[in-house]
C-alpha cells in the first residue's frame, strides 16, 4: 500500500493535483490531504491547519478532490488550530 500526501488551500489546485496523481501514478493506492500542518509557510498560503479556521473550504477541497479521482481520499487534521483550544 502506498499513499501520497498533498497540501493546498485551493479546491481547483487540489482537484487538478488529484487528477494527475490518479492518471499518472500507477503505484498510488490513496491520496491524503494534509489539513494539520502548523508550519507558518504552509498556513500562510491558506493550507495545512489554517483550513481548520475555514470549514467550508475544507468541504469544498474534499469534494473537489473526491470528484477528480477514483482513488480513496483521506484527510489529515488536528484537534484545533490554537494550542489551547480544541
C-alpha atoms as a PDB file:
ATOM      1  CA  UNK A   1       0.000   0.000   0.000  1.00  0.00           C
ATOM      2  CA  UNK A   2       1.332   3.412  -0.965  1.00  0.00           C
ATOM      3  CA  UNK A   3      -0.337   6.762  -0.378  1.00  0.00           C
ATOM      4  CA  UNK A   4       0.538  10.279  -1.396  1.00  0.00           C
ATOM      5  CA  UNK A   5       0.073  13.258   0.910  1.00  0.00           C
ATOM      6  CA  UNK A   6      -0.590  16.667  -0.575  1.00  0.00           C
ATOM      7  CA  UNK A   7      -1.352  20.094   0.884  1.00  0.00           C
ATOM      8  CA  UNK A   8      -3.066  23.112  -0.561  1.00  0.00           C
ATOM      9  CA  UNK A   9      -5.645  25.755   0.098  1.00  0.00           C
ATOM     10  CA  UNK A  10      -7.457  25.967  -3.237  1.00  0.00           C
ATOM     11  CA  UNK A  11     -10.039  23.398  -4.361  1.00  0.00           C
ATOM     12  CA  UNK A  12      -9.176  23.729  -8.057  1.00  0.00           C
ATOM     13  CA  UNK A  13      -5.452  23.167  -7.482  1.00  0.00           C
ATOM     14  CA  UNK A  14      -6.097  20.197  -5.201  1.00  0.00           C
ATOM     15  CA  UNK A  15      -8.525  18.710  -7.731  1.00  0.00           C
ATOM     16  CA  UNK A  16      -6.024  19.022 -10.568  1.00  0.00           C
ATOM     17  CA  UNK A  17      -3.264  17.506  -8.446  1.00  0.00           C
ATOM     18  CA  UNK A  18      -5.519  14.571  -7.526  1.00  0.00           C
ATOM     19  CA  UNK A  19      -6.466  14.102 -11.174  1.00  0.00           C
ATOM     20  CA  UNK A  20      -2.811  13.981 -12.228  1.00  0.00           C
ATOM     21  CA  UNK A  21      -1.928  11.519  -9.462  1.00  0.00           C
ATOM     22  CA  UNK A  22      -4.856   9.305 -10.438  1.00  0.00           C
ATOM     23  CA  UNK A  23      -3.971   9.371 -14.145  1.00  0.00           C
ATOM     24  CA  UNK A  24      -0.174   9.204 -13.976  1.00  0.00           C
ATOM     25  CA  UNK A  25       0.856   7.330 -10.838  1.00  0.00           C
ATOM     26  CA  UNK A  26       0.041   3.639 -11.099  1.00  0.00           C
ATOM     27  CA  UNK A  27       1.603   2.752  -7.735  1.00  0.00           C
ATOM     28  CA  UNK A  28      -0.541   5.134  -5.640  1.00  0.00           C
ATOM     29  CA  UNK A  29      -3.321   3.490  -3.631  1.00  0.00           C
ATOM     30  CA  UNK A  30      -4.794   6.599  -1.962  1.00  0.00           C
ATOM     31  CA  UNK A  31      -4.363  10.356  -1.577  1.00  0.00           C
ATOM     32  CA  UNK A  32      -4.256  12.130   1.778  1.00  0.00           C
ATOM     33  CA  UNK A  33      -4.804  15.870   2.103  1.00  0.00           C
ATOM     34  CA  UNK A  34      -2.764  17.352   4.925  1.00  0.00           C
ATOM     35  CA  UNK A  35      -5.007  19.743   6.842  1.00  0.00           C
ATOM     36  CA  UNK A  36      -2.997  19.541  10.032  1.00  0.00           C
ATOM     37  CA  UNK A  37       0.400  21.052   9.287  1.00  0.00           C
ATOM     38  CA  UNK A  38       1.034  24.038  11.586  1.00  0.00           C
ATOM     39  CA  UNK A  39       4.180  25.288   9.797  1.00  0.00           C
ATOM     40  CA  UNK A  40       3.935  29.018   9.009  1.00  0.00           C
ATOM     41  CA  UNK A  41       4.937  28.733   5.353  1.00  0.00           C
ATOM     42  CA  UNK A  42       2.075  26.259   4.799  1.00  0.00           C
ATOM     43  CA  UNK A  43      -0.528  28.134   6.868  1.00  0.00           C
ATOM     44  CA  UNK A  44       0.396  31.496   5.314  1.00  0.00           C
ATOM     45  CA  UNK A  45      -0.710  30.041   1.975  1.00  0.00           C
ATOM     46  CA  UNK A  46      -4.090  29.013   3.382  1.00  0.00           C
ATOM     47  CA  UNK A  47      -3.205  25.314   3.600  1.00  0.00           C
ATOM     48  CA  UNK A  48      -2.480  22.856   6.410  1.00  0.00           C
ATOM     49  CA  UNK A  49      -4.059  23.662   9.740  1.00  0.00           C
ATOM     50  CA  UNK A  50      -5.122  27.122   8.508  1.00  0.00           C
ATOM     51  CA  UNK A  51      -8.021  25.265   6.887  1.00  0.00           C
ATOM     52  CA  UNK A  52      -9.409  24.498  10.351  1.00  0.00           C
ATOM     53  CA  UNK A  53     -10.438  28.146  10.501  1.00  0.00           C
ATOM     54  CA  UNK A  54     -12.460  27.734   7.261  1.00  0.00           C
ATOM     55  CA  UNK A  55     -14.721  24.662   7.482  1.00  0.00           C
ATOM     56  CA  UNK A  56     -16.494  25.466   4.189  1.00  0.00           C
ATOM     57  CA  UNK A  57     -13.161  25.459   2.391  1.00  0.00           C
ATOM     58  CA  UNK A  58     -12.386  22.031   3.893  1.00  0.00           C
ATOM     59  CA  UNK A  59     -15.680  20.780   2.444  1.00  0.00           C
ATOM     60  CA  UNK A  60     -15.009  22.384  -0.937  1.00  0.00           C
ATOM     61  CA  UNK A  61     -11.490  20.923  -1.131  1.00  0.00           C
ATOM     62  CA  UNK A  62     -12.620  17.448  -0.094  1.00  0.00           C
ATOM     63  CA  UNK A  63     -15.483  17.410  -2.593  1.00  0.00           C
ATOM     64  CA  UNK A  64     -13.294  18.708  -5.443  1.00  0.00           C
ATOM     65  CA  UNK A  65     -10.605  16.121  -4.698  1.00  0.00           C
ATOM     66  CA  UNK A  66     -13.088  13.272  -4.457  1.00  0.00           C
ATOM     67  CA  UNK A  67     -14.779  14.185  -7.761  1.00  0.00           C
ATOM     68  CA  UNK A  68     -11.473  14.393  -9.624  1.00  0.00           C
ATOM     69  CA  UNK A  69     -10.138  10.897  -8.987  1.00  0.00           C
ATOM     70  CA  UNK A  70     -11.110   7.278  -8.470  1.00  0.00           C
ATOM     71  CA  UNK A  71      -8.622   6.713  -5.619  1.00  0.00           C
ATOM     72  CA  UNK A  72      -9.691   6.693  -1.969  1.00  0.00           C
ATOM     73  CA  UNK A  73      -9.281  10.042  -0.203  1.00  0.00           C
ATOM     74  CA  UNK A  74      -8.266  10.695   3.395  1.00  0.00           C
ATOM     75  CA  UNK A  75      -7.950  13.987   5.271  1.00  0.00           C
ATOM     76  CA  UNK A  76      -5.344  14.502   7.985  1.00  0.00           C
ATOM     77  CA  UNK A  77      -6.191  17.155  10.554  1.00  0.00           C
ATOM     78  CA  UNK A  78      -5.618  18.058  14.180  1.00  0.00           C
ATOM     79  CA  UNK A  79      -7.794  18.809  17.205  1.00  0.00           C
ATOM     80  CA  UNK A  80      -7.694  22.547  16.758  1.00  0.00           C
ATOM     81  CA  UNK A  81      -5.829  25.466  15.274  1.00  0.00           C
ATOM     82  CA  UNK A  82      -4.799  27.032  18.583  1.00  0.00           C
ATOM     83  CA  UNK A  83      -2.786  25.098  21.186  1.00  0.00           C
ATOM     84  CA  UNK A  84      -5.199  25.957  23.997  1.00  0.00           C
ATOM     85  CA  UNK A  85      -8.454  25.312  22.096  1.00  0.00           C
ATOM     86  CA  UNK A  86      -9.830  22.092  20.650  1.00  0.00           C
END
